Amino acid sequence: MPAPHNARLTLDPTAPSAPVDPRIFGAFVEHLGRCVYTGVYEPGHPTADTDGLRTDVLDLIRELGPTMLRYPGGNFVSGYDWEDGVGPKDERPRRLDLAWRTVETNQFGLGEFIRLCRATGTEPMMALNLGTRGVAEAIALAEYCNIPGGTARSELRRAHGDAEPYGIGLWCLGNELDGPWQIGNKTAEEYGRLADQTARALKMIDPGLELVACGSSGRSMPTFGQWEATVLEHAYESVEFISAHAYYEETDGDVDSFLASAADMESFIAGAVATADAVGARLKSRKRINISFDEWNVWYMGRWHAEGVHEEPWQVAPRQLEDVYSVTDAVVAGSLLITLLRNAERVTAACLAQLVNVIAPIMTEPGGPAWRQTIFHPFAEASRYGRGRVLTVNVDSPEHDTAKHGTVALLHATAVACEDGSTSVFAVNRDTARPLTLTVDLRAGGPHGAVTCSTLADPDRHARNTMAEPDRVTPQSNKDVRVEAGRVEVTLPPLSWNTIRIAAA
């Protein structure tokens, strides 16, 4: 193996730091492919509970550690009538889902979703249909969900078997309505007015609700920046968040650019924050809008488009978007998590898209097993060990050039001062051939306890976990850890995700 590079990370616990909002570790459940049916919900499965939820999947969700689940879409929500998914199941209608050209049975709906959240200890994040519906339907849904009783819709929920209100506090005002693919897509002016009207109505029900306005559905959208500015000119005082969505894939064998995808995410966040702050300044507002990065992941979208969307439309829960992730994909996903943490001051909600089967960390087979994809592991470690305050870090790293993102550091890292007094360092080595010897300077933080490191890497960067080999790729204890005179030295293998844990003294 070639000689290692050398990099240094200096932690400064005295510098200003940002708290990590736990909702940054959210995930996403959409009625798309097999995310719901034969994913989280399969009443005939040997492990199914009385609600039809697969308990083997519930166990993996708890291990993954999402704090929040966004539902029911995604593109799906812009044509969805929430009333179809409540009440007796034998009375629920089958509908065409135009977004993904399937048939929706509505056997899993709002109540089932809330039971999924309660079973996994996650907060619900509800998306509203502002594509084909509007203010009246949003009011009706909020009343059904959150009013304890005594009104027509709250009593309807009670009649459906849920005596207690759902208490949903975070709501998305539609989904990707700048996109021409979206059912009922709108201009920024149209959407901005609708978002503001809907937000004001919802806050008449509960002023404490937190609301997410749709930002650009991608940084590459030609209206990026102007869309956010126009929407927020209308809705700045009535919402708390502007959304961001981003997906990344390796194209044309350009692995170096793929591994630097976080540079694009960093620019996306910076642009959205700058635009929001500029609008706030023009409006002379004392309020600050944060970012909800409520869709992000590796997604081989180009492959999906090339293979055709659906050969046979109008199926029930067909296999769609079932990307099988490699070690390389896991390292990129970990790098994106590092970026979200590095921007924790303004990114205070985020959702890995999606949770099961569809571009997901968890895979299932109908009637069969469930297993962890490679991207499962960086998320699980970040969620478990990334709670606390993001520290200011000084990085000294070798760099290299990429075709898409210019010059980037080979080391991508951040650190979190955890609630139990320990410190976590999350680090990616972007070099595909050479190890990287990382020195973490802890002297400014005073005494510390034991140091351990977990590493996800493989000699074959295309290695994957499958039903036949569900544990082909898992994090391993990195034995190449040395501690001396307030410094930690760890060798990071080529193309690797690493979690360094520094115990409290």
Protein backbone atom coordinates (compact mmCIF):
# COMPACT_ATOMS: atom_id res chain seq x y z
CA MET A 1 0.00 0.00 0.00
CA PRO A 2 1.32 3.52 -0.77
CA ALA A 3 2.71 5.61 2.08
CA PRO A 4 0.00 7.45 4.00
CA HIS A 5 -0.84 11.11 3.79
CA ASN A 6 -0.73 13.09 7.03
CA ALA A 7 -3.51 15.32 8.34
CA ARG A 8 -4.18 17.13 11.60
CA LEU A 9 -7.41 18.02 13.36
CA THR A 10 -7.28 20.46 16.27
CA LEU A 11 -10.30 20.71 18.54
CA ASP A 12 -11.09 24.05 20.13
CA PRO A 13 -13.66 23.52 22.91
CA THR A 14 -13.43 27.21 23.92
CA ALA A 15 -14.61 28.53 20.54
CA PRO A 16 -18.32 29.16 19.86
CA SER A 17 -20.18 25.96 19.06
CA ALA A 18 -23.62 25.08 17.79
CA PRO A 19 -26.05 22.68 19.47
CA VAL A 20 -27.05 19.68 17.40
CA ASP A 21 -30.82 19.59 17.05
CA PRO A 22 -31.74 15.88 17.33
CA ARG A 23 -34.10 16.33 14.37
CA ILE A 24 -31.05 16.53 12.10
CA PHE A 25 -31.13 12.70 12.28
CA GLY A 26 -34.54 12.33 10.66
CA ALA A 27 -35.60 9.88 7.96
CA PHE A 28 -38.36 9.65 5.37
CA VAL A 29 -41.29 7.31 4.69
CA GLU A 30 -43.11 7.79 1.38
CA HIS A 31 -45.74 5.74 -0.40
CA LEU A 32 -43.24 4.80 -3.09
CA GLY A 33 -42.22 1.33 -4.20
CA ARG A 34 -41.89 -1.01 -1.23
CA CYS A 35 -41.04 1.56 1.44
CA VAL A 36 -44.42 1.03 3.12
CA TYR A 37 -45.90 -2.20 1.78
CA THR A 38 -43.57 -5.18 2.46
CA GLY A 39 -41.21 -2.60 3.97
CA VAL A 40 -42.41 -1.27 7.31
CA TYR A 41 -45.88 -2.78 6.88
CA GLU A 42 -46.60 -6.42 6.01
CA PRO A 43 -49.47 -7.91 8.03
CA GLY A 44 -48.83 -11.46 6.80
CA HIS A 45 -45.13 -11.47 7.71
CA PRO A 46 -44.00 -13.92 10.44
CA THR A 47 -42.71 -11.00 12.54
CA ALA A 48 -45.75 -8.70 12.07
CA ASP A 49 -47.33 -7.21 15.18
CA THR A 50 -51.05 -6.57 15.66
CA ASP A 51 -50.74 -3.31 13.66
CA GLY A 52 -49.16 -5.12 10.69
CA LEU A 53 -45.74 -3.58 11.33
CA ARG A 54 -42.74 -5.83 10.77
CA THR A 55 -41.01 -6.10 14.13
CA ASP A 56 -37.72 -7.15 12.49
CA VAL A 57 -37.80 -3.82 10.65
CA LEU A 58 -38.81 -1.95 13.81
CA ASP A 59 -35.73 -3.39 15.54
CA LEU A 60 -33.48 -2.15 12.72
CA ILE A 61 -35.11 1.29 12.74
CA ARG A 62 -34.42 1.60 16.46
CA GLU A 63 -30.82 0.54 15.85
CA LEU A 64 -30.48 3.05 13.00
CA GLY A 65 -31.63 5.76 15.38
CA PRO A 66 -33.75 8.23 13.38
CA THR A 67 -35.35 10.85 15.59
CA MET A 68 -38.06 11.93 13.17
CA LEU A 69 -39.99 10.48 10.22
CA ARG A 70 -41.28 12.63 7.35
CA TYR A 71 -44.53 11.33 5.78
CA PRO A 72 -46.31 10.65 3.37
CA GLY A 73 -44.10 12.22 0.66
CA GLY A 74 -42.33 13.29 -1.40
CA ASN A 75 -43.91 13.51 -4.81
CA PHE A 76 -46.70 11.23 -3.60
CA VAL A 77 -48.15 13.87 -1.28
CA SER A 78 -49.03 16.31 -4.08
CA GLY A 79 -51.85 14.02 -5.24
CA TYR A 80 -52.80 12.48 -1.88
CA ASP A 81 -56.13 12.77 -0.07
CA TRP A 82 -55.37 12.08 3.59
CA GLU A 83 -58.98 11.07 4.23
CA ASP A 84 -58.44 7.95 2.09
CA GLY A 85 -56.03 6.53 4.71
CA VAL A 86 -58.18 6.78 7.84
CA GLY A 87 -61.09 4.75 9.20
CA PRO A 88 -61.97 1.08 8.67
CA LYS A 89 -59.55 -0.56 6.26
CA ASP A 90 -62.26 -2.40 4.36
CA GLU A 91 -63.81 0.97 3.49
CA ARG A 92 -60.62 2.65 2.27
CA PRO A 93 -60.51 3.30 -1.50
CA ARG A 94 -57.88 2.18 -3.97
CA ARG A 95 -56.53 5.16 -5.89
CA LEU A 96 -54.17 5.86 -8.76
CA ASP A 97 -50.91 7.42 -7.60
CA LEU A 98 -49.94 9.62 -10.52
CA ALA A 99 -46.55 10.53 -9.07
CA TRP A 100 -45.11 7.01 -9.27
CA ARG A 101 -47.75 5.48 -11.61
CA THR A 102 -48.88 2.84 -9.15
CA VAL A 103 -52.08 1.84 -7.35
CA GLU A 104 -52.34 2.95 -3.71
CA THR A 105 -54.44 0.65 -1.52
CA ASN A 106 -54.50 3.01 1.49
CA GLN A 107 -54.22 0.08 3.87
CA PHE A 108 -51.45 2.06 5.57
CA GLY A 109 -52.45 5.59 6.41
CA LEU A 110 -52.22 8.28 9.04
CA GLY A 111 -53.05 6.18 12.10
CA GLU A 112 -50.68 3.41 11.03
CA PHE A 113 -47.93 5.98 10.51
CA ILE A 114 -48.41 7.39 14.01
CA ARG A 115 -48.21 3.87 15.44
CA LEU A 116 -44.97 3.37 13.50
CA CYS A 117 -43.59 6.56 15.08
CA ARG A 118 -44.66 5.51 18.55
CA ALA A 119 -43.20 2.03 18.11
CA THR A 120 -39.82 3.48 17.08
CA GLY A 121 -39.74 6.51 19.38
CA THR A 122 -39.66 8.96 16.47
CA GLU A 123 -41.31 12.35 16.01
CA PRO A 124 -43.79 12.66 13.12
CA MET A 125 -43.13 15.28 10.44
CA MET A 126 -46.26 15.67 8.33
CA ALA A 127 -46.25 16.86 4.72
CA LEU A 128 -49.33 18.63 3.37
CA ASN A 129 -50.74 18.35 -0.13
CA LEU A 130 -50.49 21.83 -1.61
CA GLY A 131 -50.34 20.50 -5.16
CA THR A 132 -53.94 19.45 -5.79
CA ARG A 133 -55.37 20.71 -2.48
CA GLY A 134 -54.98 23.78 -0.29
CA VAL A 135 -55.80 25.72 2.87
CA ALA A 136 -59.10 24.03 3.74
CA GLU A 137 -57.69 20.52 3.57
CA ALA A 138 -54.65 21.51 5.64
CA ILE A 139 -56.90 22.93 8.37
CA ALA A 140 -58.98 19.76 8.34
CA LEU A 141 -55.93 17.52 8.69
CA ALA A 142 -54.49 19.58 11.56
CA GLU A 143 -57.83 19.44 13.38
CA TYR A 144 -58.03 15.67 12.90
CA CYS A 145 -54.47 15.18 14.15
CA ASN A 146 -54.03 17.64 16.98
CA ILE A 147 -57.32 18.68 18.59
CA PRO A 148 -58.08 16.47 21.64
CA GLY A 149 -61.82 16.25 20.97
CA GLY A 150 -65.12 18.08 20.82
CA THR A 151 -65.03 18.93 17.10
CA ALA A 152 -66.22 16.97 14.11
CA ARG A 153 -62.79 15.95 12.84
CA SER A 154 -61.21 15.32 16.24
CA GLU A 155 -64.18 13.15 17.18
CA LEU A 156 -63.76 11.33 13.86
CA ARG A 157 -60.18 10.47 14.87
CA ARG A 158 -61.47 9.22 18.23
CA ALA A 159 -64.10 7.14 16.42
CA HIS A 160 -61.28 5.65 14.33
CA GLY A 161 -59.67 4.34 17.53
CA ASP A 162 -57.19 7.08 18.46
CA ALA A 163 -58.51 8.76 21.59
CA GLU A 164 -55.35 10.82 22.12
CA PRO A 165 -54.31 13.52 19.64
CA TYR A 166 -51.21 12.89 17.54
CA GLY A 167 -49.49 16.10 18.62
CA ILE A 168 -47.72 16.71 15.30
CA GLY A 169 -45.63 19.85 15.71
CA LEU A 170 -43.61 20.01 12.46
CA TRP A 171 -45.36 20.37 9.08
CA CYS A 172 -44.09 20.63 5.50
CA LEU A 173 -46.10 23.06 3.36
CA GLY A 174 -46.10 20.86 0.28
CA ASN A 175 -43.21 19.22 -1.56
CA GLU A 176 -40.92 20.38 -4.41
CA LEU A 177 -43.57 22.63 -5.91
CA ASP A 178 -40.93 24.35 -8.06
CA GLY A 179 -40.48 21.11 -10.02
CA PRO A 180 -42.30 20.59 -13.33
CA TRP A 181 -42.60 16.90 -12.42
CA GLN A 182 -44.69 17.79 -9.36
CA ILE A 183 -48.47 17.42 -9.56
CA GLY A 184 -49.86 20.95 -9.26
CA ASN A 185 -46.44 22.62 -9.49
CA LYS A 186 -46.52 26.39 -9.11
CA THR A 187 -44.62 29.56 -9.74
CA ALA A 188 -42.79 31.06 -6.79
CA GLU A 189 -45.42 33.79 -6.53
CA GLU A 190 -48.28 31.31 -6.53
CA TYR A 191 -46.64 29.01 -4.04
CA GLY A 192 -45.38 31.78 -1.76
CA ARG A 193 -48.89 33.18 -1.32
CA LEU A 194 -50.39 29.71 -0.78
CA ALA A 195 -47.69 28.75 1.73
CA ASP A 196 -48.26 31.96 3.69
CA GLN A 197 -52.04 31.56 3.67
CA THR A 198 -51.78 27.93 4.80
CA ALA A 199 -49.24 28.75 7.49
CA ARG A 200 -51.34 31.56 8.93
CA ALA A 201 -54.42 29.33 9.03
CA LEU A 202 -52.55 26.49 10.76
CA LYS A 203 -51.21 28.87 13.38
CA MET A 204 -54.74 29.98 14.16
CA ILE A 205 -55.20 26.41 15.36
CA ASP A 206 -51.85 26.28 17.17
CA PRO A 207 -49.38 29.21 17.17
CA GLY A 208 -46.64 26.82 18.32
CA LEU A 209 -46.56 24.79 15.11
CA GLU A 210 -43.26 24.79 13.17
CA LEU A 211 -43.67 25.05 9.41
CA VAL A 212 -41.38 24.30 6.47
CA ALA A 213 -41.77 26.21 3.22
CA CYS A 214 -40.60 24.50 0.03
CA GLY A 215 -37.21 25.68 -1.12
CA SER A 216 -35.65 24.67 -4.40
CA SER A 217 -35.86 20.94 -5.07
CA GLY A 218 -32.20 21.01 -6.07
CA ARG A 219 -29.32 23.44 -6.29
CA SER A 220 -29.19 22.82 -10.05
CA MET A 221 -32.70 24.20 -10.56
CA PRO A 222 -32.52 27.29 -12.79
CA THR A 223 -34.64 29.23 -10.28
CA PHE A 224 -32.46 28.37 -7.25
CA GLY A 225 -32.07 31.42 -5.06
CA GLN A 226 -34.77 33.44 -6.76
CA TRP A 227 -37.37 30.82 -5.79
CA GLU A 228 -36.37 30.98 -2.12
CA ALA A 229 -36.30 34.79 -2.17
CA THR A 230 -39.78 35.10 -3.69
CA VAL A 231 -41.35 32.45 -1.46
CA LEU A 232 -39.89 34.01 1.67
CA GLU A 233 -40.93 37.52 0.62
CA HIS A 234 -44.47 36.17 1.11
CA ALA A 235 -44.05 33.69 3.96
CA TYR A 236 -41.03 34.84 6.01
CA GLU A 237 -42.98 35.77 9.13
CA SER A 238 -45.26 32.72 9.04
CA VAL A 239 -42.74 29.87 8.64
CA GLU A 240 -39.69 28.64 10.53
CA PHE A 241 -37.83 26.70 7.83
CA ILE A 242 -37.02 26.68 4.14
CA SER A 243 -36.38 23.19 2.74
CA ALA A 244 -33.46 21.82 0.73
CA HIS A 245 -33.26 18.51 -1.18
CA ALA A 246 -30.13 16.94 -2.69
CA TYR A 247 -29.18 13.55 -4.13
CA TYR A 248 -25.77 12.47 -5.38
CA GLU A 249 -24.46 9.66 -7.59
CA GLU A 250 -21.24 8.51 -9.17
CA THR A 251 -21.22 9.22 -12.90
CA ASP A 252 -18.79 8.23 -15.65
CA GLY A 253 -16.49 6.53 -13.13
CA ASP A 254 -15.58 9.90 -11.59
CA VAL A 255 -15.19 8.62 -8.05
CA ASP A 256 -13.19 11.61 -6.83
CA SER A 257 -16.00 14.03 -7.66
CA PHE A 258 -18.53 11.67 -6.11
CA LEU A 259 -16.53 11.49 -2.88
CA ALA A 260 -16.50 15.31 -2.83
CA SER A 261 -20.30 15.59 -3.11
CA ALA A 262 -20.44 17.25 0.30
CA ALA A 263 -18.81 20.33 -1.24
CA ASP A 264 -21.96 20.83 -3.30
CA MET A 265 -24.18 20.30 -0.24
CA GLU A 266 -22.10 22.86 1.67
CA SER A 267 -22.63 25.42 -1.11
CA PHE A 268 -26.35 24.60 -1.26
CA ILE A 269 -26.72 25.30 2.46
CA ALA A 270 -24.66 28.49 2.28
CA GLY A 271 -26.74 29.79 -0.63
CA ALA A 272 -30.08 29.03 1.02
CA VAL A 273 -28.96 30.64 4.29
CA ALA A 274 -27.65 33.76 2.51
CA THR A 275 -30.88 34.15 0.55
CA ALA A 276 -33.07 33.72 3.64
CA ASP A 277 -30.99 36.20 5.62
CA ALA A 278 -31.10 38.74 2.78
CA VAL A 279 -34.91 38.55 2.73
CA GLY A 280 -35.01 38.91 6.50
CA ALA A 281 -32.80 41.99 6.28
CA ARG A 282 -35.01 43.59 3.61
CA LEU A 283 -38.09 42.92 5.74
CA LYS A 284 -36.31 44.28 8.83
CA SER A 285 -37.30 41.07 10.63
CA ARG A 286 -35.84 39.95 13.94
CA LYS A 287 -36.63 36.36 13.00
CA ARG A 288 -34.16 33.83 11.54
CA ILE A 289 -35.18 31.14 9.06
CA ASN A 290 -33.41 27.79 9.42
CA ILE A 291 -32.86 25.00 6.89
CA SER A 292 -34.79 21.75 6.82
CA PHE A 293 -32.67 19.45 4.63
CA ASP A 294 -35.56 17.04 4.51
CA GLU A 295 -34.39 14.90 1.57
CA TRP A 296 -30.78 13.82 1.11
CA ASN A 297 -28.99 10.64 0.10
CA VAL A 298 -27.06 8.83 -2.59
CA TRP A 299 -29.50 8.02 -5.40
CA TYR A 300 -28.56 6.60 -8.80
CA MET A 301 -31.19 8.72 -10.50
CA GLY A 302 -29.45 8.60 -13.87
CA ARG A 303 -29.64 4.79 -13.87
CA TRP A 304 -33.31 4.93 -12.90
CA HIS A 305 -34.15 7.29 -15.76
CA ALA A 306 -32.08 5.26 -18.23
CA GLU A 307 -33.86 2.01 -17.31
CA GLY A 308 -37.31 3.57 -17.66
CA VAL A 309 -39.63 4.61 -14.87
CA HIS A 310 -42.20 1.83 -15.15
CA GLU A 311 -42.57 -0.84 -17.78
CA GLU A 312 -45.95 -1.85 -16.38
CA PRO A 313 -47.81 0.98 -14.63
CA TRP A 314 -50.54 0.72 -12.01
CA GLN A 315 -49.05 -2.05 -9.91
CA VAL A 316 -49.36 -2.20 -6.12
CA ALA A 317 -46.02 -1.59 -4.37
CA PRO A 318 -43.68 -2.62 -7.21
CA ARG A 319 -39.92 -2.70 -6.72
CA GLN A 320 -38.84 0.86 -7.43
CA LEU A 321 -35.61 2.75 -6.71
CA GLU A 322 -34.08 -0.20 -4.83
CA ASP A 323 -30.46 0.94 -5.07
CA VAL A 324 -27.97 -1.50 -3.54
CA TYR A 325 -25.29 0.56 -1.86
CA SER A 326 -21.54 0.04 -1.91
CA VAL A 327 -18.74 0.98 0.46
CA THR A 328 -18.14 4.06 -1.71
CA ASP A 329 -21.78 5.10 -1.32
CA ALA A 330 -21.54 4.67 2.46
CA VAL A 331 -18.46 6.91 2.66
CA VAL A 332 -20.28 9.60 0.66
CA ALA A 333 -23.36 9.30 2.89
CA GLY A 334 -21.09 9.70 5.92
CA SER A 335 -19.51 12.78 4.37
CA LEU A 336 -22.96 14.30 3.83
CA LEU A 337 -23.74 13.67 7.50
CA ILE A 338 -20.54 15.48 8.43
CA THR A 339 -21.72 18.46 6.36
CA LEU A 340 -25.09 18.55 8.11
CA LEU A 341 -23.34 18.51 11.49
CA ARG A 342 -20.86 21.20 10.41
CA ASN A 343 -23.87 23.41 9.61
CA ALA A 344 -25.86 22.59 12.75
CA GLU A 345 -26.28 26.26 13.60
CA ARG A 346 -28.70 26.66 10.68
CA VAL A 347 -29.61 23.10 9.64
CA THR A 348 -31.90 22.08 12.47
CA ALA A 349 -33.94 19.40 10.72
CA ALA A 350 -32.95 16.85 8.07
CA CYS A 351 -34.24 13.56 6.67
CA LEU A 352 -32.35 10.71 5.06
CA ALA A 353 -34.47 9.65 2.10
CA GLN A 354 -35.75 7.04 2.47
CA LEU A 355 -36.08 4.53 5.33
CA VAL A 356 -36.81 1.06 3.88
CA ASN A 357 -36.20 -0.50 0.44
CA VAL A 358 -36.42 2.74 -1.58
CA ILE A 359 -32.90 4.29 -1.74
CA ALA A 360 -32.75 3.14 1.86
CA PRO A 361 -30.49 2.01 4.70
CA ILE A 362 -32.76 -0.97 5.42
CA MET A 363 -33.80 -3.66 2.91
CA THR A 364 -36.44 -6.35 3.21
CA GLU A 365 -37.69 -9.33 1.28
CA PRO A 366 -41.48 -10.00 1.30
CA GLY A 367 -42.09 -12.80 3.76
CA GLY A 368 -38.34 -12.99 4.35
CA PRO A 369 -35.51 -11.25 6.17
CA ALA A 370 -34.50 -7.63 6.69
CA TRP A 371 -30.91 -6.40 6.59
CA ARG A 372 -28.69 -3.33 6.81
CA GLN A 373 -27.29 -1.63 3.72
CA THR A 374 -23.80 -0.12 3.88
CA ILE A 375 -25.19 3.41 4.36
CA PHE A 376 -26.97 2.21 7.52
CA HIS A 377 -23.76 2.25 9.52
CA PRO A 378 -22.56 5.88 9.18
CA PHE A 379 -26.06 7.12 9.98
CA ALA A 380 -26.41 4.86 13.01
CA GLU A 381 -23.04 5.93 14.40
CA ALA A 382 -23.67 9.63 13.77
CA SER A 383 -27.10 9.46 15.39
CA ARG A 384 -25.79 7.52 18.38
CA TYR A 385 -22.62 9.53 18.97
CA GLY A 386 -23.43 12.91 17.41
CA ARG A 387 -25.72 14.39 20.07
CA GLY A 388 -24.40 17.48 21.83
CA ARG A 389 -22.56 20.52 20.44
CA VAL A 390 -20.57 20.71 17.22
CA LEU A 391 -17.07 21.91 18.02
CA THR A 392 -14.98 24.35 16.05
CA VAL A 393 -12.20 22.31 14.41
CA ASN A 394 -9.09 23.43 12.58
CA VAL A 395 -8.24 21.05 9.71
CA ASP A 396 -4.82 20.75 8.11
CA SER A 397 -5.14 18.24 5.28
CA PRO A 398 -3.62 17.48 1.89
CA GLU A 399 -5.89 18.33 -1.02
CA HIS A 400 -6.63 17.07 -4.50
CA ASP A 401 -8.49 18.31 -7.55
CA THR A 402 -11.88 17.05 -8.70
CA ALA A 403 -13.61 17.59 -12.01
CA LYS A 404 -16.94 18.76 -10.55
CA HIS A 405 -16.10 20.40 -7.23
CA GLY A 406 -12.65 21.89 -7.66
CA THR A 407 -9.98 21.41 -5.02
CA VAL A 408 -11.11 19.60 -1.86
CA ALA A 409 -9.39 18.32 1.27
CA LEU A 410 -8.76 14.57 1.44
CA LEU A 411 -9.84 14.66 5.08
CA HIS A 412 -13.46 15.59 5.71
CA ALA A 413 -14.21 15.71 9.42
CA THR A 414 -16.09 17.28 12.29
CA ALA A 415 -16.30 16.78 16.07
CA VAL A 416 -19.12 16.79 18.59
CA ALA A 417 -18.86 17.39 22.33
CA CYS A 418 -21.41 14.86 23.54
CA GLU A 419 -23.90 15.20 26.35
CA ASP A 420 -22.10 12.57 28.49
CA GLY A 421 -18.81 14.49 28.44
CA SER A 422 -17.21 12.38 25.70
CA THR A 423 -16.13 13.66 22.29
CA SER A 424 -16.87 12.11 18.90
CA VAL A 425 -14.81 12.76 15.78
CA PHE A 426 -16.37 11.72 12.48
CA ALA A 427 -13.82 11.52 9.67
CA VAL A 428 -13.75 10.47 6.02
CA ASN A 429 -10.62 9.71 4.00
CA ARG A 430 -11.52 10.66 0.42
CA ASP A 431 -8.36 9.20 -1.10
CA THR A 432 -9.13 5.96 -2.94
CA ALA A 433 -5.56 4.61 -2.85
CA ARG A 434 -3.60 5.99 0.11
CA PRO A 435 -4.21 5.74 3.85
CA LEU A 436 -4.31 8.93 5.88
CA THR A 437 -2.60 9.27 9.24
CA LEU A 438 -4.82 11.58 11.25
CA THR A 439 -3.53 13.35 14.33
CA VAL A 440 -6.25 14.75 16.61
CA ASP A 441 -4.89 17.39 18.96
CA LEU A 442 -6.82 17.23 22.24
CA ARG A 443 -4.59 19.38 24.42
CA ALA A 444 -6.94 22.37 24.49
CA GLY A 445 -9.66 20.18 25.97
CA GLY A 446 -7.74 18.99 28.99
CA PRO A 447 -7.71 15.42 30.35
CA HIS A 448 -9.59 12.66 28.57
CA GLY A 449 -10.32 8.97 28.91
CA ALA A 450 -9.95 5.96 26.62
CA VAL A 451 -9.92 6.39 22.84
CA THR A 452 -11.47 3.95 20.36
CA CYS A 453 -12.07 4.05 16.62
CA SER A 454 -14.61 2.28 14.40
CA THR A 455 -13.85 2.11 10.67
CA LEU A 456 -15.98 1.19 7.66
CA ALA A 457 -13.81 0.31 4.65
CA ASP A 458 -13.15 -2.56 2.28
CA PRO A 459 -10.43 -3.44 -0.25
CA ASP A 460 -13.23 -3.65 -2.82
CA ARG A 461 -14.87 -0.24 -2.98
CA HIS A 462 -17.87 -1.82 -4.72
CA ALA A 463 -18.54 -4.29 -1.87
CA ARG A 464 -22.20 -4.42 -0.87
CA ASN A 465 -24.52 -6.03 1.64
CA THR A 466 -27.17 -8.30 0.13
CA MET A 467 -29.76 -10.78 1.33
CA ALA A 468 -27.21 -13.54 0.72
CA GLU A 469 -24.40 -11.61 2.47
CA PRO A 470 -26.12 -9.16 4.83
CA ASP A 471 -22.96 -8.45 6.84
CA ARG A 472 -20.41 -8.30 4.03
CA VAL A 473 -19.64 -4.67 5.00
CA THR A 474 -19.78 -3.61 8.65
CA PRO A 475 -17.76 -1.22 10.81
CA GLN A 476 -14.71 -2.83 12.39
CA SER A 477 -12.63 -1.84 15.38
CA ASN A 478 -9.60 0.12 14.15
CA LYS A 479 -6.62 -1.18 16.15
CA ASP A 480 -4.25 1.41 14.70
CA VAL A 481 -4.94 4.00 17.42
CA ARG A 482 -2.12 5.62 19.39
CA VAL A 483 -2.50 8.13 22.24
CA GLU A 484 0.38 10.22 23.54
CA ALA A 485 0.79 13.65 25.20
CA GLY A 486 -2.71 14.90 24.43
CA ARG A 487 -2.69 13.70 20.84
CA VAL A 488 -4.53 10.82 19.19
CA GLU A 489 -3.08 9.29 16.05
CA VAL A 490 -5.24 7.04 13.89
CA THR A 491 -4.55 5.56 10.45
CA LEU A 492 -7.63 5.92 8.25
CA PRO A 493 -7.73 3.40 5.40
CA PRO A 494 -8.30 4.59 1.84
CA LEU A 495 -11.93 5.46 1.12
CA SER A 496 -13.21 5.05 4.66
CA TRP A 497 -15.73 6.34 7.20
CA ASN A 498 -14.39 6.54 10.76
CA THR A 499 -15.88 7.26 14.17
CA ILE A 500 -13.33 8.14 16.84
CA ARG A 501 -14.70 8.09 20.39
CA ILE A 502 -12.81 9.95 23.14
CA ALA A 503 -14.22 9.12 26.56
CA ALA A 504 -14.55 11.70 29.32
CA ALA A 505 -11.74 11.71 31.89
